Amino acid sequence: MTLSARARLLKKIDDDKVREAIRLAELRTSGEIRVSLSRFFWGRIEPVARHCFDRMMMKETKDRNGILFFVIPSRRRFYVMGDVGIHAMVGSAFWTELAAVLSARFRKGEFTEGLVEGIAAAGEKLAAFFPFAGAADLNELPDDIDVR
């Protein structure tokens, strides 16, 4: 991806606010939250998001409690998925609720606000089932935004 394509994607969100939302959420949990932005593509989002989940090593967390927000700003579309550890705890209803929050914001083009709100909700749920373990708790995955 060219530098200008990456810059155009990052203009759609406030990188600092999203990274801060991840940092704050992860202060309360041993879970991991990642965000990936993708440029426009045709086709189904889910397979691309699943590939991204694997590429970003989301399955490598100790408790299998990572959550990925995969966003295609140009289509105002997204896919949120959690690893088996968190999914077993929250079930399908949580993902539906989270999708509703993001959908409402993304329809208005409020990508940053939607991500910040969604990350906070994901962090709250992660904290309920996977609380922060103190000094022994490592940040297993980077908090930076992946751009593809």
N, C-alpha and C. Protein backbone atom coordinates (compact mmCIF):
# COMPACT_ATOMS: atom_id res chain seq x y z
N MET A 1 0.85 -1.17 0.00
CA MET A 1 0.00 0.00 0.00
C MET A 1 0.89 1.23 0.00
N THR A 2 0.52 2.17 -0.80
CA THR A 2 1.30 3.40 -0.88
C THR A 2 1.08 4.25 0.36
N LEU A 3 2.01 5.13 0.59
CA LEU A 3 1.92 6.01 1.75
C LEU A 3 0.67 6.88 1.66
N SER A 4 0.32 7.35 0.47
CA SER A 4 -0.86 8.20 0.34
C SER A 4 -2.15 7.42 0.59
N ALA A 5 -2.21 6.15 0.19
CA ALA A 5 -3.39 5.33 0.46
C ALA A 5 -3.54 5.10 1.96
N ARG A 6 -2.42 4.85 2.62
CA ARG A 6 -2.43 4.66 4.07
C ARG A 6 -2.89 5.95 4.77
N ALA A 7 -2.37 7.07 4.31
CA ALA A 7 -2.73 8.37 4.91
C ALA A 7 -4.21 8.67 4.72
N ARG A 8 -4.75 8.33 3.54
CA ARG A 8 -6.19 8.56 3.29
C ARG A 8 -7.04 7.73 4.24
N LEU A 9 -6.64 6.49 4.48
CA LEU A 9 -7.40 5.64 5.41
C LEU A 9 -7.33 6.20 6.82
N LEU A 10 -6.15 6.62 7.23
CA LEU A 10 -5.99 7.14 8.59
C LEU A 10 -6.70 8.48 8.78
N LYS A 11 -6.98 9.21 7.69
CA LYS A 11 -7.72 10.45 7.82
C LYS A 11 -9.17 10.20 8.22
N LYS A 12 -9.64 8.99 8.01
CA LYS A 12 -11.02 8.65 8.32
C LYS A 12 -11.26 8.53 9.82
N ILE A 13 -10.20 8.32 10.58
CA ILE A 13 -10.33 8.19 12.03
C ILE A 13 -9.25 9.01 12.72
N ASP A 14 -9.46 9.26 13.99
CA ASP A 14 -8.45 9.92 14.82
C ASP A 14 -7.63 8.82 15.48
N ASP A 15 -6.48 8.56 14.89
CA ASP A 15 -5.59 7.48 15.33
C ASP A 15 -5.28 7.58 16.82
N ASP A 16 -5.00 8.78 17.31
CA ASP A 16 -4.64 8.95 18.72
C ASP A 16 -5.80 8.59 19.65
N LYS A 17 -7.01 9.00 19.28
CA LYS A 17 -8.18 8.70 20.13
C LYS A 17 -8.46 7.20 20.16
N VAL A 18 -8.31 6.55 19.04
CA VAL A 18 -8.57 5.10 18.99
C VAL A 18 -7.51 4.34 19.79
N ARG A 19 -6.25 4.70 19.61
CA ARG A 19 -5.19 4.04 20.40
C ARG A 19 -5.36 4.29 21.89
N GLU A 20 -5.79 5.49 22.26
CA GLU A 20 -6.03 5.80 23.67
C GLU A 20 -7.20 4.98 24.21
N ALA A 21 -8.23 4.79 23.41
CA ALA A 21 -9.36 3.95 23.82
C ALA A 21 -8.90 2.51 24.06
N ILE A 22 -8.04 2.02 23.19
CA ILE A 22 -7.50 0.66 23.38
C ILE A 22 -6.68 0.61 24.66
N ARG A 23 -5.81 1.58 24.85
CA ARG A 23 -4.96 1.60 26.04
C ARG A 23 -5.81 1.61 27.32
N LEU A 24 -6.82 2.46 27.36
CA LEU A 24 -7.67 2.55 28.55
C LEU A 24 -8.45 1.26 28.78
N ALA A 25 -8.96 0.67 27.72
CA ALA A 25 -9.70 -0.59 27.86
C ALA A 25 -8.79 -1.69 28.38
N GLU A 26 -7.57 -1.75 27.86
CA GLU A 26 -6.66 -2.83 28.24
C GLU A 26 -6.05 -2.64 29.63
N LEU A 27 -6.21 -1.45 30.21
CA LEU A 27 -5.76 -1.25 31.60
C LEU A 27 -6.61 -2.04 32.58
N ARG A 28 -7.80 -2.44 32.16
CA ARG A 28 -8.74 -3.14 33.04
C ARG A 28 -8.83 -4.63 32.77
N THR A 29 -8.12 -5.12 31.74
CA THR A 29 -8.29 -6.50 31.33
C THR A 29 -6.99 -7.12 30.84
N SER A 30 -6.94 -8.43 30.90
CA SER A 30 -5.81 -9.14 30.30
C SER A 30 -6.08 -9.41 28.82
N GLY A 31 -7.28 -9.06 28.35
CA GLY A 31 -7.63 -9.24 26.95
C GLY A 31 -6.91 -8.25 26.05
N GLU A 32 -6.98 -8.52 24.77
CA GLU A 32 -6.32 -7.69 23.77
C GLU A 32 -7.33 -7.20 22.75
N ILE A 33 -7.22 -5.93 22.38
CA ILE A 33 -8.10 -5.33 21.39
C ILE A 33 -7.24 -4.76 20.27
N ARG A 34 -7.61 -5.06 19.04
CA ARG A 34 -6.89 -4.53 17.88
C ARG A 34 -7.89 -3.93 16.90
N VAL A 35 -7.41 -2.98 16.10
CA VAL A 35 -8.20 -2.35 15.06
C VAL A 35 -7.42 -2.46 13.76
N SER A 36 -8.12 -2.86 12.69
CA SER A 36 -7.53 -2.91 11.36
C SER A 36 -8.42 -2.15 10.40
N LEU A 37 -7.82 -1.24 9.64
CA LEU A 37 -8.53 -0.49 8.60
C LEU A 37 -8.14 -1.07 7.24
N SER A 38 -9.12 -1.25 6.40
CA SER A 38 -8.85 -1.79 5.08
C SER A 38 -9.36 -0.83 4.02
N ARG A 39 -8.64 -0.76 2.93
CA ARG A 39 -9.12 0.04 1.81
C ARG A 39 -10.27 -0.69 1.14
N PHE A 40 -10.91 -0.02 0.22
CA PHE A 40 -12.09 -0.55 -0.46
C PHE A 40 -11.76 -1.87 -1.17
N PHE A 41 -12.65 -2.81 -1.05
CA PHE A 41 -12.59 -4.03 -1.85
C PHE A 41 -14.01 -4.54 -2.04
N TRP A 42 -14.22 -5.30 -3.10
CA TRP A 42 -15.52 -5.91 -3.35
C TRP A 42 -15.54 -7.27 -2.67
N GLY A 43 -16.69 -7.74 -2.37
CA GLY A 43 -16.82 -9.08 -1.83
C GLY A 43 -17.19 -9.08 -0.36
N ARG A 44 -17.23 -10.28 0.17
CA ARG A 44 -17.63 -10.48 1.56
C ARG A 44 -16.53 -10.04 2.51
N ILE A 45 -16.94 -9.43 3.59
CA ILE A 45 -16.00 -8.89 4.57
C ILE A 45 -15.48 -9.98 5.50
N GLU A 46 -16.35 -10.88 5.92
CA GLU A 46 -15.98 -11.87 6.93
C GLU A 46 -14.70 -12.65 6.59
N PRO A 47 -14.55 -13.22 5.40
CA PRO A 47 -13.33 -13.97 5.13
C PRO A 47 -12.06 -13.11 5.21
N VAL A 48 -12.17 -11.88 4.77
CA VAL A 48 -11.02 -10.98 4.82
C VAL A 48 -10.69 -10.65 6.28
N ALA A 49 -11.73 -10.41 7.09
CA ALA A 49 -11.52 -10.13 8.51
C ALA A 49 -10.89 -11.33 9.21
N ARG A 50 -11.35 -12.53 8.88
CA ARG A 50 -10.78 -13.75 9.50
C ARG A 50 -9.31 -13.91 9.13
N HIS A 51 -8.99 -13.62 7.87
CA HIS A 51 -7.59 -13.68 7.44
C HIS A 51 -6.76 -12.64 8.21
N CYS A 52 -7.32 -11.45 8.38
CA CYS A 52 -6.65 -10.40 9.13
C CYS A 52 -6.43 -10.83 10.58
N PHE A 53 -7.44 -11.46 11.18
CA PHE A 53 -7.36 -11.95 12.56
C PHE A 53 -6.15 -12.89 12.70
N ASP A 54 -6.00 -13.79 11.73
CA ASP A 54 -4.86 -14.72 11.75
C ASP A 54 -3.54 -13.99 11.51
N ARG A 55 -3.53 -13.11 10.50
CA ARG A 55 -2.30 -12.38 10.15
C ARG A 55 -1.79 -11.53 11.31
N MET A 56 -2.74 -10.98 12.09
CA MET A 56 -2.36 -10.13 13.22
C MET A 56 -2.09 -10.94 14.49
N MET A 57 -2.08 -12.25 14.36
CA MET A 57 -1.75 -13.17 15.46
C MET A 57 -2.68 -13.02 16.66
N MET A 58 -3.94 -12.76 16.38
CA MET A 58 -4.93 -12.58 17.44
C MET A 58 -5.16 -13.87 18.24
N LYS A 59 -4.86 -15.00 17.64
CA LYS A 59 -5.05 -16.29 18.32
C LYS A 59 -3.88 -16.64 19.24
N GLU A 60 -2.91 -15.78 19.30
CA GLU A 60 -1.70 -16.07 20.07
C GLU A 60 -1.76 -15.60 21.52
N THR A 61 -2.87 -15.02 21.95
CA THR A 61 -2.95 -14.57 23.34
C THR A 61 -3.10 -15.78 24.26
N LYS A 62 -2.58 -15.66 25.45
CA LYS A 62 -2.57 -16.75 26.42
C LYS A 62 -3.96 -17.30 26.68
N ASP A 63 -4.93 -16.42 26.87
CA ASP A 63 -6.30 -16.85 27.19
C ASP A 63 -7.24 -16.84 26.00
N ARG A 64 -6.69 -16.65 24.79
CA ARG A 64 -7.49 -16.61 23.56
C ARG A 64 -8.64 -15.61 23.71
N ASN A 65 -8.27 -14.40 24.18
CA ASN A 65 -9.28 -13.38 24.50
C ASN A 65 -9.05 -12.08 23.73
N GLY A 66 -8.66 -12.19 22.48
CA GLY A 66 -8.48 -11.02 21.64
C GLY A 66 -9.74 -10.66 20.88
N ILE A 67 -9.93 -9.37 20.65
CA ILE A 67 -11.06 -8.87 19.87
C ILE A 67 -10.51 -7.97 18.76
N LEU A 68 -10.98 -8.24 17.54
CA LEU A 68 -10.57 -7.45 16.38
C LEU A 68 -11.74 -6.64 15.84
N PHE A 69 -11.49 -5.35 15.61
CA PHE A 69 -12.42 -4.47 14.91
C PHE A 69 -11.84 -4.28 13.51
N PHE A 70 -12.45 -4.89 12.52
CA PHE A 70 -12.00 -4.80 11.13
C PHE A 70 -12.94 -3.84 10.41
N VAL A 71 -12.40 -2.73 9.88
CA VAL A 71 -13.24 -1.64 9.35
C VAL A 71 -12.83 -1.29 7.92
N ILE A 72 -13.85 -1.14 7.07
CA ILE A 72 -13.65 -0.65 5.72
C ILE A 72 -14.39 0.69 5.63
N PRO A 73 -13.70 1.79 5.95
CA PRO A 73 -14.37 3.09 6.02
C PRO A 73 -15.10 3.48 4.73
N SER A 74 -14.52 3.21 3.58
CA SER A 74 -15.13 3.63 2.32
C SER A 74 -16.47 2.94 2.08
N ARG A 75 -16.68 1.80 2.69
CA ARG A 75 -17.96 1.08 2.55
C ARG A 75 -18.85 1.26 3.80
N ARG A 76 -18.29 1.94 4.80
CA ARG A 76 -18.99 2.11 6.09
C ARG A 76 -19.40 0.74 6.64
N ARG A 77 -18.51 -0.21 6.48
CA ARG A 77 -18.77 -1.59 6.89
C ARG A 77 -17.68 -2.02 7.85
N PHE A 78 -17.98 -3.05 8.62
CA PHE A 78 -17.05 -3.56 9.61
C PHE A 78 -17.37 -5.00 9.93
N TYR A 79 -16.45 -5.62 10.60
CA TYR A 79 -16.65 -6.96 11.14
C TYR A 79 -15.91 -7.01 12.46
N VAL A 80 -16.60 -7.39 13.51
CA VAL A 80 -15.96 -7.51 14.83
C VAL A 80 -15.96 -8.98 15.19
N MET A 81 -14.81 -9.46 15.62
CA MET A 81 -14.74 -10.86 16.02
C MET A 81 -13.85 -11.03 17.22
N GLY A 82 -14.21 -11.99 18.03
CA GLY A 82 -13.42 -12.31 19.21
C GLY A 82 -12.92 -13.74 19.12
N ASP A 83 -11.83 -13.97 19.78
CA ASP A 83 -11.27 -15.32 19.82
C ASP A 83 -12.16 -16.23 20.66
N VAL A 84 -11.85 -17.50 20.67
CA VAL A 84 -12.72 -18.50 21.32
C VAL A 84 -12.89 -18.26 22.82
N GLY A 85 -11.86 -17.73 23.49
CA GLY A 85 -11.94 -17.51 24.94
C GLY A 85 -13.00 -16.49 25.31
N ILE A 86 -13.03 -15.36 24.64
CA ILE A 86 -14.03 -14.34 24.96
C ILE A 86 -15.38 -14.71 24.38
N HIS A 87 -15.41 -15.30 23.20
CA HIS A 87 -16.70 -15.67 22.61
C HIS A 87 -17.45 -16.68 23.49
N ALA A 88 -16.73 -17.61 24.09
CA ALA A 88 -17.37 -18.59 24.97
C ALA A 88 -18.02 -17.93 26.18
N MET A 89 -17.51 -16.79 26.59
CA MET A 89 -18.04 -16.10 27.76
C MET A 89 -19.22 -15.18 27.42
N VAL A 90 -19.17 -14.52 26.26
CA VAL A 90 -20.19 -13.51 25.96
C VAL A 90 -21.30 -13.99 25.04
N GLY A 91 -21.03 -14.97 24.22
CA GLY A 91 -22.04 -15.47 23.29
C GLY A 91 -22.39 -14.49 22.19
N SER A 92 -23.31 -14.88 21.36
CA SER A 92 -23.68 -14.10 20.17
C SER A 92 -24.36 -12.77 20.49
N ALA A 93 -25.11 -12.71 21.57
CA ALA A 93 -25.86 -11.49 21.89
C ALA A 93 -24.92 -10.29 22.04
N PHE A 94 -23.77 -10.48 22.65
CA PHE A 94 -22.83 -9.37 22.83
C PHE A 94 -22.37 -8.82 21.49
N TRP A 95 -22.05 -9.70 20.55
CA TRP A 95 -21.55 -9.25 19.25
C TRP A 95 -22.64 -8.48 18.50
N THR A 96 -23.88 -8.90 18.66
CA THR A 96 -25.00 -8.20 18.03
C THR A 96 -25.15 -6.80 18.61
N GLU A 97 -25.06 -6.68 19.93
CA GLU A 97 -25.15 -5.38 20.59
C GLU A 97 -24.00 -4.47 20.16
N LEU A 98 -22.81 -5.03 20.11
CA LEU A 98 -21.64 -4.25 19.71
C LEU A 98 -21.78 -3.77 18.26
N ALA A 99 -22.28 -4.63 17.40
CA ALA A 99 -22.49 -4.27 16.00
C ALA A 99 -23.51 -3.13 15.88
N ALA A 100 -24.52 -3.13 16.72
CA ALA A 100 -25.53 -2.07 16.68
C ALA A 100 -24.91 -0.72 17.02
N VAL A 101 -24.03 -0.69 18.01
CA VAL A 101 -23.34 0.55 18.39
C VAL A 101 -22.52 1.07 17.21
N LEU A 102 -21.72 0.19 16.62
CA LEU A 102 -20.87 0.60 15.51
C LEU A 102 -21.70 1.02 14.30
N SER A 103 -22.73 0.26 13.99
CA SER A 103 -23.57 0.57 12.82
C SER A 103 -24.17 1.97 12.91
N ALA A 104 -24.70 2.30 14.06
CA ALA A 104 -25.33 3.61 14.24
C ALA A 104 -24.33 4.74 13.98
N ARG A 105 -23.14 4.60 14.48
CA ARG A 105 -22.12 5.64 14.30
C ARG A 105 -21.57 5.67 12.88
N PHE A 106 -21.29 4.48 12.34
CA PHE A 106 -20.68 4.41 11.01
C PHE A 106 -21.62 4.93 9.93
N ARG A 107 -22.93 4.72 10.08
CA ARG A 107 -23.88 5.24 9.10
C ARG A 107 -23.75 6.75 8.97
N LYS A 108 -23.38 7.40 10.07
CA LYS A 108 -23.21 8.86 10.07
C LYS A 108 -21.79 9.27 9.69
N GLY A 109 -20.93 8.29 9.42
CA GLY A 109 -19.54 8.59 9.09
C GLY A 109 -18.70 8.88 10.32
N GLU A 110 -19.21 8.56 11.51
CA GLU A 110 -18.51 8.81 12.78
C GLU A 110 -17.67 7.59 13.15
N PHE A 111 -16.60 7.38 12.40
CA PHE A 111 -15.78 6.18 12.59
C PHE A 111 -15.02 6.22 13.91
N THR A 112 -14.42 7.34 14.22
CA THR A 112 -13.67 7.45 15.48
C THR A 112 -14.59 7.23 16.67
N GLU A 113 -15.72 7.92 16.67
CA GLU A 113 -16.65 7.82 17.79
C GLU A 113 -17.18 6.39 17.93
N GLY A 114 -17.49 5.77 16.81
CA GLY A 114 -17.98 4.39 16.84
C GLY A 114 -16.94 3.43 17.38
N LEU A 115 -15.70 3.60 16.92
CA LEU A 115 -14.63 2.73 17.40
C LEU A 115 -14.37 2.95 18.89
N VAL A 116 -14.31 4.19 19.32
CA VAL A 116 -14.06 4.49 20.73
C VAL A 116 -15.16 3.88 21.60
N GLU A 117 -16.41 4.05 21.19
CA GLU A 117 -17.53 3.50 21.93
C GLU A 117 -17.48 1.96 21.93
N GLY A 118 -17.22 1.38 20.78
CA GLY A 118 -17.14 -0.08 20.66
C GLY A 118 -16.00 -0.66 21.46
N ILE A 119 -14.86 -0.01 21.42
CA ILE A 119 -13.69 -0.48 22.17
C ILE A 119 -13.97 -0.41 23.67
N ALA A 120 -14.61 0.65 24.11
CA ALA A 120 -14.96 0.76 25.54
C ALA A 120 -15.89 -0.37 25.95
N ALA A 121 -16.89 -0.67 25.13
CA ALA A 121 -17.83 -1.76 25.44
C ALA A 121 -17.11 -3.11 25.44
N ALA A 122 -16.23 -3.32 24.48
CA ALA A 122 -15.47 -4.57 24.43
C ALA A 122 -14.55 -4.68 25.64
N GLY A 123 -13.92 -3.58 26.01
CA GLY A 123 -13.03 -3.58 27.18
C GLY A 123 -13.77 -3.90 28.46
N GLU A 124 -14.97 -3.35 28.58
CA GLU A 124 -15.80 -3.60 29.77
C GLU A 124 -16.15 -5.09 29.88
N LYS A 125 -16.52 -5.68 28.76
CA LYS A 125 -16.88 -7.09 28.75
C LYS A 125 -15.65 -7.96 29.01
N LEU A 126 -14.53 -7.60 28.40
CA LEU A 126 -13.29 -8.34 28.65
C LEU A 126 -12.91 -8.27 30.12
N ALA A 127 -13.03 -7.08 30.71
CA ALA A 127 -12.66 -6.90 32.12
C ALA A 127 -13.53 -7.76 33.04
N ALA A 128 -14.78 -7.96 32.67
CA ALA A 128 -15.68 -8.78 33.50
C ALA A 128 -15.24 -10.23 33.55
N PHE A 129 -14.69 -10.73 32.45
CA PHE A 129 -14.32 -12.14 32.37
C PHE A 129 -12.81 -12.38 32.45
N PHE A 130 -12.04 -11.39 32.06
CA PHE A 130 -10.58 -11.50 32.05
C PHE A 130 -9.99 -10.24 32.69
N PRO A 131 -10.10 -10.10 34.01
CA PRO A 131 -9.62 -8.88 34.66
C PRO A 131 -8.10 -8.71 34.52
N PHE A 132 -7.69 -7.47 34.66
CA PHE A 132 -6.27 -7.13 34.61
C PHE A 132 -5.54 -7.89 35.71
N ALA A 133 -4.41 -8.46 35.39
CA ALA A 133 -3.67 -9.30 36.34
C ALA A 133 -2.51 -8.56 37.01
N GLY A 134 -2.53 -7.26 36.99
CA GLY A 134 -1.48 -6.49 37.66
C GLY A 134 -0.18 -6.49 36.89
N ALA A 135 0.91 -6.40 37.63
CA ALA A 135 2.24 -6.27 37.03
C ALA A 135 2.58 -7.47 36.14
N ALA A 136 2.00 -8.61 36.41
CA ALA A 136 2.29 -9.81 35.62
C ALA A 136 1.58 -9.80 34.27
N ASP A 137 0.64 -8.88 34.10
CA ASP A 137 -0.15 -8.83 32.87
C ASP A 137 0.65 -8.11 31.79
N LEU A 138 0.95 -8.80 30.71
CA LEU A 138 1.71 -8.23 29.61
C LEU A 138 0.77 -7.78 28.50
N ASN A 139 1.15 -6.73 27.82
CA ASN A 139 0.43 -6.33 26.62
C ASN A 139 0.93 -7.26 25.51
N GLU A 140 0.14 -8.28 25.20
CA GLU A 140 0.58 -9.33 24.30
C GLU A 140 0.61 -8.93 22.83
N LEU A 141 -0.21 -7.96 22.45
CA LEU A 141 -0.27 -7.52 21.06
C LEU A 141 -0.18 -5.99 21.01
N PRO A 142 0.39 -5.45 19.93
CA PRO A 142 0.53 -4.00 19.84
C PRO A 142 -0.83 -3.29 19.78
N ASP A 143 -0.87 -2.04 20.22
CA ASP A 143 -2.09 -1.27 20.22
C ASP A 143 -2.24 -0.39 18.99
N ASP A 144 -1.21 -0.39 18.13
CA ASP A 144 -1.29 0.47 16.95
C ASP A 144 -2.35 -0.04 15.98
N ILE A 145 -2.82 0.84 15.12
CA ILE A 145 -3.84 0.51 14.15
C ILE A 145 -3.19 -0.08 12.91
N ASP A 146 -3.69 -1.24 12.53
CA ASP A 146 -3.21 -1.92 11.34
C ASP A 146 -3.92 -1.31 10.14
N VAL A 147 -3.18 -1.00 9.09
CA VAL A 147 -3.77 -0.41 7.90
C VAL A 147 -3.35 -1.23 6.70
N ARG A 148 -4.33 -1.74 5.95
CA ARG A 148 -4.06 -2.57 4.77
C ARG A 148 -4.83 -2.09 3.58
